[in-house]
Amino acid sequence: MSGKHQIDYQQVRRYFAHAGGATAASASYMAHAQDLPENAVRYRFWKERKAIRDWLNVGGAQARVLDVGCGSGTWTAFFAQRFGSVIGIEQSAAMLVAAKAMLRGQSNVELLNQDVREPLPPGPFDLVFLGGICMYLNDA
């Protein structure tokens, strides 16, 4: 990838830190930028679950999941209901606050405020999920 097409990580951080008053869920799906209603966010999440349903048959109820770039915790909550332990990593403080609120009371979830480009928590993991993070990363 040439230098002129590199992701500006500071701009990405600013975007998620100041998502224009959007709910965390709509900000993590960028729905507020398109002025989409909240039910569009729910529909997209339903379609995503349907698309990856076959990937979720891993490790059974005791499986360990790493949710890289967990955003507001939508997928993290989904995984926490199905698997033994989930670690969510998120660099945005605003998204992490929303994730903590969503996941309050979930004893099998650990949330880490961390840049996903830093070393990841030690595995092994039965599932590593990068739901919407790849579009924010450069090749190297």
N, C-alpha and C. Protein backbone atom coordinates (compact mmCIF):
# COMPACT_ATOMS: atom_id res chain seq x y z
N MET A 1 0.85 -1.17 0.00
CA MET A 1 0.00 0.00 0.00
C MET A 1 0.89 1.23 0.00
N SER A 2 0.66 2.17 -0.87
CA SER A 2 1.51 3.35 -0.96
C SER A 2 1.20 4.31 0.18
N GLY A 3 2.18 5.17 0.48
CA GLY A 3 2.05 6.11 1.58
C GLY A 3 0.86 7.05 1.47
N LYS A 4 0.45 7.40 0.25
CA LYS A 4 -0.66 8.34 0.12
C LYS A 4 -2.00 7.73 0.50
N HIS A 5 -2.06 6.44 0.69
CA HIS A 5 -3.30 5.76 1.06
C HIS A 5 -3.26 5.20 2.48
N GLN A 6 -2.40 5.73 3.31
CA GLN A 6 -2.27 5.24 4.68
C GLN A 6 -3.40 5.78 5.56
N ILE A 7 -3.82 4.96 6.50
CA ILE A 7 -4.83 5.35 7.49
C ILE A 7 -4.18 6.32 8.48
N ASP A 8 -4.86 7.39 8.81
CA ASP A 8 -4.40 8.33 9.83
C ASP A 8 -5.02 7.89 11.16
N TYR A 9 -4.22 7.22 11.99
CA TYR A 9 -4.73 6.66 13.24
C TYR A 9 -5.24 7.73 14.20
N GLN A 10 -4.63 8.91 14.18
CA GLN A 10 -5.10 9.98 15.05
C GLN A 10 -6.50 10.45 14.62
N GLN A 11 -6.74 10.49 13.33
CA GLN A 11 -8.06 10.88 12.84
C GLN A 11 -9.11 9.84 13.22
N VAL A 12 -8.76 8.57 13.16
CA VAL A 12 -9.68 7.51 13.58
C VAL A 12 -10.00 7.67 15.05
N ARG A 13 -8.98 7.92 15.88
CA ARG A 13 -9.20 8.13 17.32
C ARG A 13 -10.14 9.31 17.56
N ARG A 14 -9.89 10.41 16.86
CA ARG A 14 -10.75 11.59 17.03
C ARG A 14 -12.20 11.28 16.64
N TYR A 15 -12.37 10.54 15.57
CA TYR A 15 -13.73 10.20 15.12
C TYR A 15 -14.50 9.48 16.23
N PHE A 16 -13.90 8.44 16.81
CA PHE A 16 -14.62 7.67 17.81
C PHE A 16 -14.68 8.37 19.16
N ALA A 17 -13.79 9.32 19.40
CA ALA A 17 -13.86 10.09 20.64
C ALA A 17 -14.97 11.14 20.58
N HIS A 18 -15.28 11.61 19.37
CA HIS A 18 -16.28 12.67 19.21
C HIS A 18 -17.24 12.29 18.09
N ALA A 19 -18.07 11.34 18.34
CA ALA A 19 -18.96 10.80 17.30
C ALA A 19 -20.23 11.62 17.13
N GLY A 20 -20.18 12.88 17.47
CA GLY A 20 -21.30 13.78 17.19
C GLY A 20 -22.56 13.48 17.97
N GLY A 21 -22.45 13.01 19.20
CA GLY A 21 -23.62 12.75 20.01
C GLY A 21 -24.34 11.46 19.66
N ALA A 22 -23.74 10.66 18.82
CA ALA A 22 -24.36 9.39 18.43
C ALA A 22 -24.33 8.42 19.59
N THR A 23 -25.25 7.47 19.57
CA THR A 23 -25.15 6.40 20.55
C THR A 23 -23.90 5.60 20.22
N ALA A 24 -23.34 4.94 21.21
CA ALA A 24 -22.12 4.16 20.97
C ALA A 24 -22.35 3.08 19.93
N ALA A 25 -23.52 2.44 19.98
CA ALA A 25 -23.80 1.37 19.01
C ALA A 25 -23.84 1.92 17.59
N SER A 26 -24.51 3.04 17.40
CA SER A 26 -24.57 3.58 16.04
C SER A 26 -23.22 4.14 15.61
N ALA A 27 -22.43 4.65 16.55
CA ALA A 27 -21.09 5.13 16.20
C ALA A 27 -20.19 3.97 15.81
N SER A 28 -20.29 2.85 16.52
CA SER A 28 -19.42 1.73 16.18
C SER A 28 -19.80 1.13 14.83
N TYR A 29 -21.03 1.29 14.41
CA TYR A 29 -21.45 0.85 13.08
C TYR A 29 -21.43 2.00 12.08
N MET A 30 -21.03 3.18 12.51
CA MET A 30 -20.96 4.39 11.70
C MET A 30 -22.32 4.76 11.11
N ALA A 31 -23.39 4.31 11.73
CA ALA A 31 -24.74 4.58 11.23
C ALA A 31 -25.11 6.05 11.37
N HIS A 32 -24.60 6.71 12.41
CA HIS A 32 -24.94 8.12 12.61
C HIS A 32 -24.40 8.99 11.48
N ALA A 33 -23.26 8.61 10.92
CA ALA A 33 -22.67 9.39 9.82
C ALA A 33 -23.54 9.34 8.57
N GLN A 34 -24.33 8.29 8.45
CA GLN A 34 -25.23 8.14 7.31
C GLN A 34 -26.67 8.50 7.67
N ASP A 35 -26.86 8.96 8.90
CA ASP A 35 -28.18 9.34 9.40
C ASP A 35 -29.17 8.16 9.32
N LEU A 36 -28.67 6.98 9.66
CA LEU A 36 -29.52 5.79 9.65
C LEU A 36 -30.21 5.62 10.99
N PRO A 37 -31.42 5.11 11.01
CA PRO A 37 -32.13 4.90 12.27
C PRO A 37 -31.52 3.75 13.07
N GLU A 38 -31.80 3.74 14.36
CA GLU A 38 -31.25 2.71 15.25
C GLU A 38 -31.65 1.30 14.80
N ASN A 39 -32.84 1.14 14.22
CA ASN A 39 -33.24 -0.20 13.78
C ASN A 39 -32.36 -0.69 12.63
N ALA A 40 -31.71 0.21 11.90
CA ALA A 40 -30.76 -0.20 10.86
C ALA A 40 -29.54 -0.86 11.49
N VAL A 41 -29.14 -0.36 12.66
CA VAL A 41 -28.01 -0.96 13.39
C VAL A 41 -28.39 -2.37 13.83
N ARG A 42 -29.58 -2.52 14.38
CA ARG A 42 -30.03 -3.86 14.81
C ARG A 42 -30.13 -4.81 13.63
N TYR A 43 -30.63 -4.33 12.50
CA TYR A 43 -30.74 -5.17 11.30
C TYR A 43 -29.35 -5.61 10.81
N ARG A 44 -28.41 -4.68 10.79
CA ARG A 44 -27.06 -5.03 10.34
C ARG A 44 -26.44 -6.08 11.26
N PHE A 45 -26.62 -5.92 12.57
CA PHE A 45 -26.08 -6.90 13.51
C PHE A 45 -26.72 -8.27 13.28
N TRP A 46 -28.02 -8.31 13.03
CA TRP A 46 -28.71 -9.57 12.73
C TRP A 46 -28.12 -10.21 11.48
N LYS A 47 -27.91 -9.42 10.42
CA LYS A 47 -27.33 -9.94 9.17
C LYS A 47 -25.91 -10.45 9.39
N GLU A 48 -25.13 -9.75 10.19
CA GLU A 48 -23.76 -10.19 10.47
C GLU A 48 -23.76 -11.52 11.22
N ARG A 49 -24.62 -11.64 12.22
CA ARG A 49 -24.71 -12.91 12.97
C ARG A 49 -25.07 -14.05 12.04
N LYS A 50 -26.01 -13.80 11.15
CA LYS A 50 -26.42 -14.83 10.20
C LYS A 50 -25.25 -15.22 9.29
N ALA A 51 -24.46 -14.25 8.87
CA ALA A 51 -23.35 -14.50 7.96
C ALA A 51 -22.24 -15.34 8.59
N ILE A 52 -22.02 -15.18 9.89
CA ILE A 52 -20.92 -15.92 10.52
C ILE A 52 -21.37 -17.08 11.40
N ARG A 53 -22.63 -17.41 11.34
CA ARG A 53 -23.20 -18.43 12.22
C ARG A 53 -22.37 -19.71 12.25
N ASP A 54 -21.87 -20.18 11.11
CA ASP A 54 -21.10 -21.42 11.07
C ASP A 54 -19.75 -21.31 11.78
N TRP A 55 -19.22 -20.12 11.87
CA TRP A 55 -17.93 -19.93 12.54
C TRP A 55 -18.06 -20.02 14.06
N LEU A 56 -19.28 -19.94 14.55
CA LEU A 56 -19.49 -19.88 15.99
C LEU A 56 -19.56 -21.24 16.66
N ASN A 57 -19.37 -22.30 15.90
CA ASN A 57 -19.39 -23.65 16.45
C ASN A 57 -17.98 -24.07 16.85
N VAL A 58 -17.36 -23.31 17.74
CA VAL A 58 -15.99 -23.59 18.16
C VAL A 58 -15.93 -23.70 19.68
N GLY A 59 -15.19 -24.66 20.15
CA GLY A 59 -14.84 -24.72 21.55
C GLY A 59 -15.92 -24.97 22.58
N GLY A 60 -17.16 -24.96 22.20
CA GLY A 60 -18.23 -25.20 23.15
C GLY A 60 -18.42 -24.07 24.15
N ALA A 61 -19.14 -24.37 25.20
CA ALA A 61 -19.51 -23.35 26.18
C ALA A 61 -18.31 -22.80 26.95
N GLN A 62 -17.19 -23.53 26.97
CA GLN A 62 -16.01 -23.06 27.69
C GLN A 62 -15.01 -22.33 26.81
N ALA A 63 -15.36 -22.07 25.58
CA ALA A 63 -14.43 -21.44 24.63
C ALA A 63 -13.98 -20.07 25.10
N ARG A 64 -12.75 -19.71 24.71
CA ARG A 64 -12.19 -18.38 24.96
C ARG A 64 -12.26 -17.58 23.67
N VAL A 65 -12.75 -16.34 23.78
CA VAL A 65 -12.91 -15.47 22.62
C VAL A 65 -12.14 -14.18 22.85
N LEU A 66 -11.47 -13.72 21.80
CA LEU A 66 -10.82 -12.41 21.80
C LEU A 66 -11.54 -11.55 20.78
N ASP A 67 -12.16 -10.47 21.24
CA ASP A 67 -12.88 -9.53 20.38
C ASP A 67 -12.00 -8.31 20.18
N VAL A 68 -11.32 -8.25 19.04
CA VAL A 68 -10.34 -7.21 18.75
C VAL A 68 -11.05 -6.00 18.14
N GLY A 69 -10.96 -4.87 18.83
CA GLY A 69 -11.70 -3.68 18.40
C GLY A 69 -13.16 -3.83 18.74
N CYS A 70 -13.45 -4.09 20.00
CA CYS A 70 -14.81 -4.47 20.42
C CYS A 70 -15.82 -3.34 20.38
N GLY A 71 -15.37 -2.10 20.17
CA GLY A 71 -16.32 -1.00 20.06
C GLY A 71 -17.20 -0.87 21.28
N SER A 72 -18.49 -0.72 21.06
CA SER A 72 -19.44 -0.52 22.16
C SER A 72 -19.85 -1.81 22.85
N GLY A 73 -19.30 -2.94 22.41
CA GLY A 73 -19.53 -4.20 23.10
C GLY A 73 -20.66 -5.05 22.56
N THR A 74 -21.22 -4.70 21.42
CA THR A 74 -22.33 -5.46 20.87
C THR A 74 -21.95 -6.92 20.63
N TRP A 75 -20.86 -7.13 19.91
CA TRP A 75 -20.41 -8.51 19.67
C TRP A 75 -19.89 -9.15 20.94
N THR A 76 -19.23 -8.38 21.79
CA THR A 76 -18.70 -8.91 23.05
C THR A 76 -19.83 -9.50 23.88
N ALA A 77 -20.94 -8.79 23.97
CA ALA A 77 -22.11 -9.28 24.72
C ALA A 77 -22.66 -10.55 24.09
N PHE A 78 -22.72 -10.57 22.77
CA PHE A 78 -23.19 -11.76 22.06
C PHE A 78 -22.32 -12.96 22.40
N PHE A 79 -20.99 -12.77 22.33
CA PHE A 79 -20.07 -13.87 22.64
C PHE A 79 -20.17 -14.29 24.10
N ALA A 80 -20.34 -13.33 25.01
CA ALA A 80 -20.40 -13.63 26.44
C ALA A 80 -21.59 -14.52 26.78
N GLN A 81 -22.65 -14.44 26.01
CA GLN A 81 -23.82 -15.29 26.25
C GLN A 81 -23.60 -16.72 25.78
N ARG A 82 -22.59 -16.94 24.95
CA ARG A 82 -22.40 -18.25 24.33
C ARG A 82 -21.13 -18.97 24.73
N PHE A 83 -20.14 -18.22 25.20
CA PHE A 83 -18.83 -18.81 25.45
C PHE A 83 -18.36 -18.54 26.87
N GLY A 84 -17.36 -19.31 27.30
CA GLY A 84 -16.89 -19.26 28.68
C GLY A 84 -16.22 -17.97 29.09
N SER A 85 -15.38 -17.41 28.23
CA SER A 85 -14.73 -16.15 28.58
C SER A 85 -14.46 -15.34 27.32
N VAL A 86 -14.57 -14.03 27.48
CA VAL A 86 -14.39 -13.11 26.36
C VAL A 86 -13.50 -11.96 26.82
N ILE A 87 -12.50 -11.65 26.01
CA ILE A 87 -11.69 -10.46 26.23
C ILE A 87 -11.97 -9.51 25.07
N GLY A 88 -12.37 -8.30 25.41
CA GLY A 88 -12.61 -7.27 24.40
C GLY A 88 -11.52 -6.22 24.48
N ILE A 89 -10.97 -5.85 23.33
CA ILE A 89 -9.93 -4.83 23.26
C ILE A 89 -10.48 -3.64 22.48
N GLU A 90 -10.31 -2.45 23.05
CA GLU A 90 -10.81 -1.23 22.39
C GLU A 90 -9.93 -0.05 22.79
N GLN A 91 -9.50 0.74 21.81
CA GLN A 91 -8.66 1.91 22.10
C GLN A 91 -9.46 3.17 22.39
N SER A 92 -10.71 3.23 21.96
CA SER A 92 -11.53 4.42 22.17
C SER A 92 -12.14 4.41 23.57
N ALA A 93 -11.81 5.45 24.34
CA ALA A 93 -12.36 5.54 25.70
C ALA A 93 -13.88 5.64 25.68
N ALA A 94 -14.45 6.37 24.72
CA ALA A 94 -15.90 6.52 24.63
C ALA A 94 -16.57 5.18 24.33
N MET A 95 -16.01 4.42 23.43
CA MET A 95 -16.56 3.10 23.10
C MET A 95 -16.42 2.16 24.29
N LEU A 96 -15.30 2.25 24.99
CA LEU A 96 -15.07 1.37 26.13
C LEU A 96 -16.06 1.67 27.26
N VAL A 97 -16.37 2.93 27.49
CA VAL A 97 -17.38 3.29 28.49
C VAL A 97 -18.72 2.65 28.12
N ALA A 98 -19.09 2.74 26.85
CA ALA A 98 -20.35 2.13 26.39
C ALA A 98 -20.31 0.62 26.54
N ALA A 99 -19.18 0.01 26.21
CA ALA A 99 -19.06 -1.45 26.34
C ALA A 99 -19.19 -1.86 27.80
N LYS A 100 -18.54 -1.13 28.70
CA LYS A 100 -18.63 -1.46 30.13
C LYS A 100 -20.06 -1.35 30.61
N ALA A 101 -20.80 -0.35 30.15
CA ALA A 101 -22.20 -0.20 30.55
C ALA A 101 -23.03 -1.36 30.01
N MET A 102 -22.80 -1.73 28.77
CA MET A 102 -23.56 -2.82 28.16
C MET A 102 -23.27 -4.16 28.84
N LEU A 103 -22.03 -4.33 29.27
CA LEU A 103 -21.58 -5.63 29.79
C LEU A 103 -21.56 -5.68 31.31
N ARG A 104 -22.11 -4.68 31.96
CA ARG A 104 -22.15 -4.66 33.43
C ARG A 104 -22.81 -5.94 33.93
N GLY A 105 -22.15 -6.59 34.86
CA GLY A 105 -22.70 -7.82 35.43
C GLY A 105 -22.26 -9.09 34.71
N GLN A 106 -21.57 -8.96 33.60
CA GLN A 106 -21.07 -10.15 32.88
C GLN A 106 -19.73 -10.54 33.50
N SER A 107 -19.73 -11.60 34.28
CA SER A 107 -18.50 -12.00 34.98
C SER A 107 -17.49 -12.68 34.08
N ASN A 108 -17.88 -13.06 32.89
CA ASN A 108 -16.96 -13.77 31.99
C ASN A 108 -16.35 -12.86 30.93
N VAL A 109 -16.41 -11.54 31.16
CA VAL A 109 -15.88 -10.58 30.19
C VAL A 109 -14.81 -9.72 30.85
N GLU A 110 -13.72 -9.54 30.11
CA GLU A 110 -12.67 -8.60 30.51
C GLU A 110 -12.50 -7.60 29.37
N LEU A 111 -12.54 -6.32 29.70
CA LEU A 111 -12.37 -5.28 28.69
C LEU A 111 -11.04 -4.57 28.91
N LEU A 112 -10.29 -4.41 27.83
CA LEU A 112 -8.98 -3.78 27.91
C LEU A 112 -8.94 -2.53 27.04
N ASN A 113 -8.45 -1.43 27.60
CA ASN A 113 -8.25 -0.20 26.84
C ASN A 113 -6.87 -0.30 26.22
N GLN A 114 -6.85 -0.64 24.94
CA GLN A 114 -5.58 -0.94 24.30
C GLN A 114 -5.69 -0.74 22.80
N ASP A 115 -4.62 -0.28 22.20
CA ASP A 115 -4.52 -0.18 20.75
C ASP A 115 -4.31 -1.59 20.21
N VAL A 116 -5.08 -1.97 19.21
CA VAL A 116 -5.00 -3.35 18.69
C VAL A 116 -3.69 -3.63 17.98
N ARG A 117 -2.89 -2.60 17.73
CA ARG A 117 -1.58 -2.81 17.11
C ARG A 117 -0.53 -3.21 18.13
N GLU A 118 -0.87 -3.11 19.41
CA GLU A 118 0.04 -3.52 20.49
C GLU A 118 -0.09 -5.04 20.68
N PRO A 119 0.86 -5.65 21.39
CA PRO A 119 0.76 -7.10 21.62
C PRO A 119 -0.59 -7.48 22.25
N LEU A 120 -1.17 -8.54 21.74
CA LEU A 120 -2.47 -9.01 22.21
C LEU A 120 -2.32 -9.83 23.48
N PRO A 121 -3.41 -9.99 24.23
CA PRO A 121 -3.36 -10.83 25.43
C PRO A 121 -2.94 -12.25 25.05
N PRO A 122 -2.31 -12.95 25.98
CA PRO A 122 -1.86 -14.31 25.67
C PRO A 122 -3.04 -15.25 25.42
N GLY A 123 -2.88 -16.12 24.45
CA GLY A 123 -3.88 -17.14 24.11
C GLY A 123 -3.60 -18.40 24.89
N PRO A 124 -4.13 -19.48 24.41
CA PRO A 124 -4.82 -19.60 23.13
C PRO A 124 -6.28 -19.14 23.23
N PHE A 125 -6.83 -18.82 22.06
CA PHE A 125 -8.23 -18.46 21.94
C PHE A 125 -8.88 -19.40 20.94
N ASP A 126 -10.12 -19.75 21.20
CA ASP A 126 -10.87 -20.59 20.27
C ASP A 126 -11.41 -19.77 19.10
N LEU A 127 -11.63 -18.49 19.34
CA LEU A 127 -12.13 -17.59 18.30
C LEU A 127 -11.51 -16.22 18.50
N VAL A 128 -10.93 -15.67 17.45
CA VAL A 128 -10.44 -14.30 17.45
C VAL A 128 -11.30 -13.55 16.43
N PHE A 129 -12.00 -12.54 16.91
CA PHE A 129 -12.97 -11.82 16.09
C PHE A 129 -12.48 -10.41 15.83
N LEU A 130 -12.43 -10.03 14.57
CA LEU A 130 -12.03 -8.68 14.16
C LEU A 130 -13.18 -8.07 13.37
N GLY A 131 -14.32 -7.93 14.01
CA GLY A 131 -15.55 -7.54 13.35
C GLY A 131 -15.46 -6.36 12.43
N GLY A 132 -15.07 -5.21 12.90
CA GLY A 132 -15.04 -4.04 12.05
C GLY A 132 -13.73 -3.29 12.13
N ILE A 133 -12.68 -3.98 12.53
CA ILE A 133 -11.42 -3.28 12.78
C ILE A 133 -10.50 -3.20 11.57
N CYS A 134 -10.58 -4.15 10.67
CA CYS A 134 -9.60 -4.22 9.57
C CYS A 134 -9.58 -2.98 8.69
N MET A 135 -10.72 -2.33 8.53
CA MET A 135 -10.76 -1.14 7.67
C MET A 135 -10.02 0.04 8.29
N TYR A 136 -9.66 -0.06 9.57
CA TYR A 136 -8.94 1.01 10.25
C TYR A 136 -7.45 0.73 10.38
N LEU A 137 -6.96 -0.33 9.75
CA LEU A 137 -5.56 -0.71 9.89
C LEU A 137 -4.82 -0.60 8.56
N ASN A 138 -3.59 -0.14 8.63
CA ASN A 138 -2.72 -0.15 7.46
C ASN A 138 -2.16 -1.55 7.28
N ASP A 139 -1.55 -1.80 6.14
CA ASP A 139 -1.00 -3.12 5.85
C ASP A 139 0.11 -3.52 6.82
N ALA A 140 0.92 -2.58 7.24
CA ALA A 140 2.05 -2.92 8.12
C ALA A 140 1.82 -2.39 9.52
